[in-house]
Amino acid sequence: MNALRLRPIADDDCVLVEQWLKQPHIAKWFPDPDDWLNKIHERNGIYSWTTHFMILHGETPMGVCQYYDWFEYGKSETWYTVDVPHHTFSFDYLIAG
């Protein structure tokens, strides 16, 4: 039985992630695919505080996930803030296949 595993996302994965984000049953939950794709492209730059992974079943990509420190994310949000770094994290995922 193939277990699920994570591997760091690569630039080459963006084409597949974009295809997933544009599927109608996924797009209703992710209305701005460019936002996710930009964060992936800038993962070593302005979004370096977010860690992205591909979710694999065996060798087959089946989704993407990310985690990040809410202290950093909260700098751009007004509805929720965290005052202490490395204390509260978010984990987001998309199972596409």
N, C-alpha and C. Protein backbone atom coordinates (compact mmCIF):
# COMPACT_ATOMS: atom_id res chain seq x y z
N MET A 1 0.85 -1.18 0.00
CA MET A 1 0.00 0.00 0.00
C MET A 1 0.89 1.24 0.00
N ASN A 2 0.58 2.19 -0.85
CA ASN A 2 1.32 3.44 -0.92
C ASN A 2 0.79 4.41 0.13
N ALA A 3 1.68 4.90 0.93
CA ALA A 3 1.31 5.89 1.94
C ALA A 3 1.38 7.28 1.33
N LEU A 4 0.67 8.20 1.94
CA LEU A 4 0.78 9.60 1.55
C LEU A 4 2.12 10.12 2.06
N ARG A 5 2.70 11.00 1.27
CA ARG A 5 3.93 11.65 1.71
C ARG A 5 3.95 13.07 1.17
N LEU A 6 4.80 13.86 1.75
CA LEU A 6 4.96 15.25 1.33
C LEU A 6 6.37 15.43 0.80
N ARG A 7 6.48 16.28 -0.22
CA ARG A 7 7.80 16.70 -0.69
C ARG A 7 7.73 18.20 -0.94
N PRO A 8 8.83 18.89 -0.78
CA PRO A 8 8.81 20.33 -1.05
C PRO A 8 8.33 20.62 -2.47
N ILE A 9 7.53 21.63 -2.61
CA ILE A 9 7.01 21.98 -3.92
C ILE A 9 8.13 22.54 -4.79
N ALA A 10 8.04 22.33 -6.09
CA ALA A 10 9.03 22.81 -7.05
C ALA A 10 8.34 23.71 -8.07
N ASP A 11 9.12 24.54 -8.73
CA ASP A 11 8.55 25.43 -9.75
C ASP A 11 7.78 24.64 -10.81
N ASP A 12 8.28 23.46 -11.16
CA ASP A 12 7.61 22.64 -12.18
C ASP A 12 6.22 22.19 -11.76
N ASP A 13 5.91 22.23 -10.48
CA ASP A 13 4.59 21.80 -9.99
C ASP A 13 3.50 22.83 -10.24
N CYS A 14 3.88 24.06 -10.55
CA CYS A 14 2.90 25.15 -10.65
C CYS A 14 1.88 24.93 -11.76
N VAL A 15 2.28 24.32 -12.84
CA VAL A 15 1.33 24.06 -13.94
C VAL A 15 0.22 23.15 -13.45
N LEU A 16 0.57 22.08 -12.74
CA LEU A 16 -0.42 21.16 -12.22
C LEU A 16 -1.29 21.82 -11.15
N VAL A 17 -0.68 22.57 -10.26
CA VAL A 17 -1.45 23.26 -9.22
C VAL A 17 -2.45 24.24 -9.85
N GLU A 18 -2.03 24.95 -10.89
CA GLU A 18 -2.93 25.87 -11.57
C GLU A 18 -4.11 25.11 -12.20
N GLN A 19 -3.84 23.97 -12.80
CA GLN A 19 -4.92 23.15 -13.38
C GLN A 19 -5.91 22.73 -12.29
N TRP A 20 -5.40 22.31 -11.16
CA TRP A 20 -6.27 21.93 -10.06
C TRP A 20 -7.13 23.10 -9.61
N LEU A 21 -6.51 24.25 -9.42
CA LEU A 21 -7.22 25.42 -8.90
C LEU A 21 -8.31 25.93 -9.84
N LYS A 22 -8.20 25.60 -11.12
CA LYS A 22 -9.19 26.05 -12.10
C LYS A 22 -10.32 25.06 -12.33
N GLN A 23 -10.26 23.90 -11.70
CA GLN A 23 -11.36 22.94 -11.82
C GLN A 23 -12.57 23.51 -11.08
N PRO A 24 -13.76 23.45 -11.69
CA PRO A 24 -14.94 24.10 -11.09
C PRO A 24 -15.21 23.70 -9.64
N HIS A 25 -15.06 22.43 -9.31
CA HIS A 25 -15.37 22.01 -7.93
C HIS A 25 -14.32 22.49 -6.93
N ILE A 26 -13.16 22.91 -7.40
CA ILE A 26 -12.12 23.47 -6.53
C ILE A 26 -12.16 24.99 -6.56
N ALA A 27 -12.41 25.57 -7.73
CA ALA A 27 -12.40 27.02 -7.90
C ALA A 27 -13.38 27.72 -6.97
N LYS A 28 -14.49 27.06 -6.62
CA LYS A 28 -15.45 27.71 -5.73
C LYS A 28 -14.87 27.94 -4.34
N TRP A 29 -13.83 27.19 -3.96
CA TRP A 29 -13.18 27.36 -2.66
C TRP A 29 -11.92 28.22 -2.75
N PHE A 30 -11.38 28.33 -3.96
CA PHE A 30 -10.16 29.10 -4.19
C PHE A 30 -10.41 30.04 -5.37
N PRO A 31 -11.17 31.12 -5.13
CA PRO A 31 -11.59 31.98 -6.24
C PRO A 31 -10.47 32.77 -6.90
N ASP A 32 -9.31 32.87 -6.26
CA ASP A 32 -8.20 33.61 -6.84
C ASP A 32 -6.97 32.71 -6.95
N PRO A 33 -6.92 31.87 -8.00
CA PRO A 33 -5.79 30.95 -8.12
C PRO A 33 -4.45 31.66 -8.21
N ASP A 34 -4.45 32.85 -8.77
CA ASP A 34 -3.18 33.59 -8.89
C ASP A 34 -2.59 33.94 -7.53
N ASP A 35 -3.43 34.09 -6.53
CA ASP A 35 -2.94 34.38 -5.19
C ASP A 35 -2.10 33.22 -4.66
N TRP A 36 -2.64 31.99 -4.77
CA TRP A 36 -1.89 30.81 -4.33
C TRP A 36 -0.64 30.63 -5.18
N LEU A 37 -0.77 30.79 -6.48
CA LEU A 37 0.39 30.59 -7.36
C LEU A 37 1.48 31.63 -7.08
N ASN A 38 1.09 32.86 -6.83
CA ASN A 38 2.07 33.89 -6.50
C ASN A 38 2.82 33.54 -5.21
N LYS A 39 2.10 33.05 -4.23
CA LYS A 39 2.74 32.67 -2.97
C LYS A 39 3.71 31.50 -3.17
N ILE A 40 3.36 30.60 -4.06
CA ILE A 40 4.28 29.49 -4.36
C ILE A 40 5.52 30.02 -5.09
N HIS A 41 5.30 30.86 -6.10
CA HIS A 41 6.42 31.41 -6.85
C HIS A 41 7.35 32.26 -5.97
N GLU A 42 6.78 32.93 -4.98
CA GLU A 42 7.56 33.82 -4.11
C GLU A 42 7.93 33.14 -2.78
N ARG A 43 7.91 31.80 -2.75
CA ARG A 43 8.17 31.07 -1.51
C ARG A 43 9.59 31.26 -0.99
N ASN A 44 10.50 31.65 -1.84
CA ASN A 44 11.87 31.93 -1.40
C ASN A 44 12.13 33.43 -1.29
N GLY A 45 11.07 34.21 -1.46
CA GLY A 45 11.18 35.67 -1.41
C GLY A 45 10.28 36.22 -0.32
N ILE A 46 9.29 37.03 -0.74
CA ILE A 46 8.45 37.72 0.23
C ILE A 46 7.56 36.78 1.05
N TYR A 47 7.34 35.56 0.55
CA TYR A 47 6.55 34.59 1.31
C TYR A 47 7.41 33.46 1.86
N SER A 48 8.65 33.77 2.18
CA SER A 48 9.56 32.74 2.68
C SER A 48 9.11 32.18 4.03
N TRP A 49 8.19 32.83 4.70
CA TRP A 49 7.67 32.35 5.97
C TRP A 49 6.57 31.29 5.78
N THR A 50 6.26 30.98 4.52
CA THR A 50 5.29 29.92 4.20
C THR A 50 6.04 28.75 3.59
N THR A 51 5.73 27.55 4.04
CA THR A 51 6.36 26.33 3.52
C THR A 51 5.32 25.55 2.73
N HIS A 52 5.65 25.24 1.47
CA HIS A 52 4.72 24.56 0.56
C HIS A 52 5.21 23.14 0.26
N PHE A 53 4.26 22.23 0.15
CA PHE A 53 4.55 20.85 -0.18
C PHE A 53 3.57 20.33 -1.22
N MET A 54 4.02 19.36 -2.02
CA MET A 54 3.12 18.56 -2.84
C MET A 54 2.75 17.35 -2.00
N ILE A 55 1.50 16.95 -2.09
CA ILE A 55 1.02 15.73 -1.43
C ILE A 55 1.06 14.64 -2.48
N LEU A 56 1.73 13.55 -2.17
CA LEU A 56 1.88 12.44 -3.12
C LEU A 56 1.28 11.17 -2.55
N HIS A 57 0.67 10.40 -3.42
CA HIS A 57 0.25 9.03 -3.10
C HIS A 57 1.14 8.14 -3.95
N GLY A 58 2.11 7.51 -3.33
CA GLY A 58 3.15 6.86 -4.11
C GLY A 58 3.94 7.95 -4.80
N GLU A 59 3.97 7.92 -6.11
CA GLU A 59 4.63 8.97 -6.89
C GLU A 59 3.63 9.90 -7.58
N THR A 60 2.35 9.69 -7.32
CA THR A 60 1.30 10.47 -7.99
C THR A 60 0.93 11.71 -7.18
N PRO A 61 1.13 12.90 -7.74
CA PRO A 61 0.69 14.12 -7.04
C PRO A 61 -0.82 14.12 -6.88
N MET A 62 -1.28 14.45 -5.69
CA MET A 62 -2.73 14.49 -5.46
C MET A 62 -3.19 15.72 -4.71
N GLY A 63 -2.26 16.62 -4.40
CA GLY A 63 -2.67 17.84 -3.72
C GLY A 63 -1.47 18.68 -3.34
N VAL A 64 -1.78 19.76 -2.66
CA VAL A 64 -0.77 20.70 -2.21
C VAL A 64 -1.13 21.14 -0.80
N CYS A 65 -0.11 21.43 0.00
CA CYS A 65 -0.38 21.96 1.33
C CYS A 65 0.67 23.00 1.68
N GLN A 66 0.34 23.78 2.68
CA GLN A 66 1.26 24.81 3.13
C GLN A 66 1.04 25.02 4.62
N TYR A 67 2.09 25.48 5.29
CA TYR A 67 1.93 25.93 6.66
C TYR A 67 2.71 27.22 6.85
N TYR A 68 2.24 28.01 7.80
CA TYR A 68 2.86 29.31 8.03
C TYR A 68 2.58 29.80 9.44
N ASP A 69 3.44 30.68 9.87
CA ASP A 69 3.33 31.32 11.17
C ASP A 69 2.29 32.44 11.08
N TRP A 70 1.27 32.39 11.91
CA TRP A 70 0.22 33.41 11.87
C TRP A 70 0.73 34.79 12.26
N PHE A 71 1.83 34.84 12.99
CA PHE A 71 2.42 36.13 13.33
C PHE A 71 2.79 36.87 12.05
N GLU A 72 3.40 36.16 11.10
CA GLU A 72 3.77 36.78 9.82
C GLU A 72 2.54 37.04 8.96
N TYR A 73 1.66 36.05 8.85
CA TYR A 73 0.47 36.19 8.02
C TYR A 73 -0.42 37.32 8.53
N GLY A 74 -0.51 37.43 9.83
CA GLY A 74 -1.37 38.44 10.43
C GLY A 74 -0.95 39.87 10.14
N LYS A 75 0.27 40.07 9.68
CA LYS A 75 0.71 41.41 9.33
C LYS A 75 -0.08 41.98 8.16
N SER A 76 -0.68 41.10 7.36
CA SER A 76 -1.47 41.55 6.22
C SER A 76 -2.97 41.34 6.43
N GLU A 77 -3.37 40.89 7.61
CA GLU A 77 -4.78 40.63 7.91
C GLU A 77 -5.24 41.51 9.07
N THR A 78 -6.51 41.84 9.08
CA THR A 78 -7.04 42.63 10.18
C THR A 78 -8.02 41.84 11.04
N TRP A 79 -8.49 40.69 10.56
CA TRP A 79 -9.52 39.97 11.29
C TRP A 79 -8.95 39.06 12.37
N TYR A 80 -7.63 38.81 12.35
CA TYR A 80 -7.03 37.96 13.37
C TYR A 80 -5.55 38.30 13.46
N THR A 81 -5.07 38.54 14.65
CA THR A 81 -3.66 38.84 14.82
C THR A 81 -3.07 37.96 15.92
N VAL A 82 -1.78 37.73 15.82
CA VAL A 82 -1.02 36.99 16.81
C VAL A 82 0.14 37.89 17.22
N ASP A 83 0.34 38.03 18.51
CA ASP A 83 1.37 38.95 19.00
C ASP A 83 2.73 38.30 19.23
N VAL A 84 2.79 36.97 19.18
CA VAL A 84 4.03 36.27 19.48
C VAL A 84 4.42 35.40 18.28
N PRO A 85 5.63 35.60 17.74
CA PRO A 85 6.06 34.74 16.62
C PRO A 85 6.30 33.30 17.07
N HIS A 86 6.14 32.38 16.14
CA HIS A 86 6.40 30.94 16.36
C HIS A 86 5.52 30.34 17.45
N HIS A 87 4.30 30.84 17.55
CA HIS A 87 3.38 30.37 18.58
C HIS A 87 2.12 29.74 17.98
N THR A 88 1.58 30.36 16.92
CA THR A 88 0.34 29.91 16.29
C THR A 88 0.59 29.73 14.80
N PHE A 89 0.27 28.55 14.30
CA PHE A 89 0.51 28.23 12.90
C PHE A 89 -0.79 27.82 12.22
N SER A 90 -0.81 27.98 10.92
CA SER A 90 -1.93 27.52 10.11
C SER A 90 -1.42 26.45 9.15
N PHE A 91 -2.27 25.47 8.88
CA PHE A 91 -1.96 24.41 7.94
C PHE A 91 -3.12 24.35 6.95
N ASP A 92 -2.86 24.63 5.67
CA ASP A 92 -3.89 24.62 4.62
C ASP A 92 -3.56 23.52 3.64
N TYR A 93 -4.59 22.88 3.11
CA TYR A 93 -4.34 21.83 2.13
C TYR A 93 -5.44 21.80 1.09
N LEU A 94 -5.08 21.24 -0.05
CA LEU A 94 -5.99 21.04 -1.17
C LEU A 94 -5.74 19.63 -1.70
N ILE A 95 -6.73 18.78 -1.60
CA ILE A 95 -6.65 17.44 -2.18
C ILE A 95 -7.39 17.51 -3.50
N ALA A 96 -6.67 17.30 -4.59
CA ALA A 96 -7.26 17.53 -5.92
C ALA A 96 -7.50 16.24 -6.69
N GLY A 97 -6.77 15.22 -6.42
CA GLY A 97 -6.89 14.03 -7.26
C GLY A 97 -7.05 12.78 -6.49
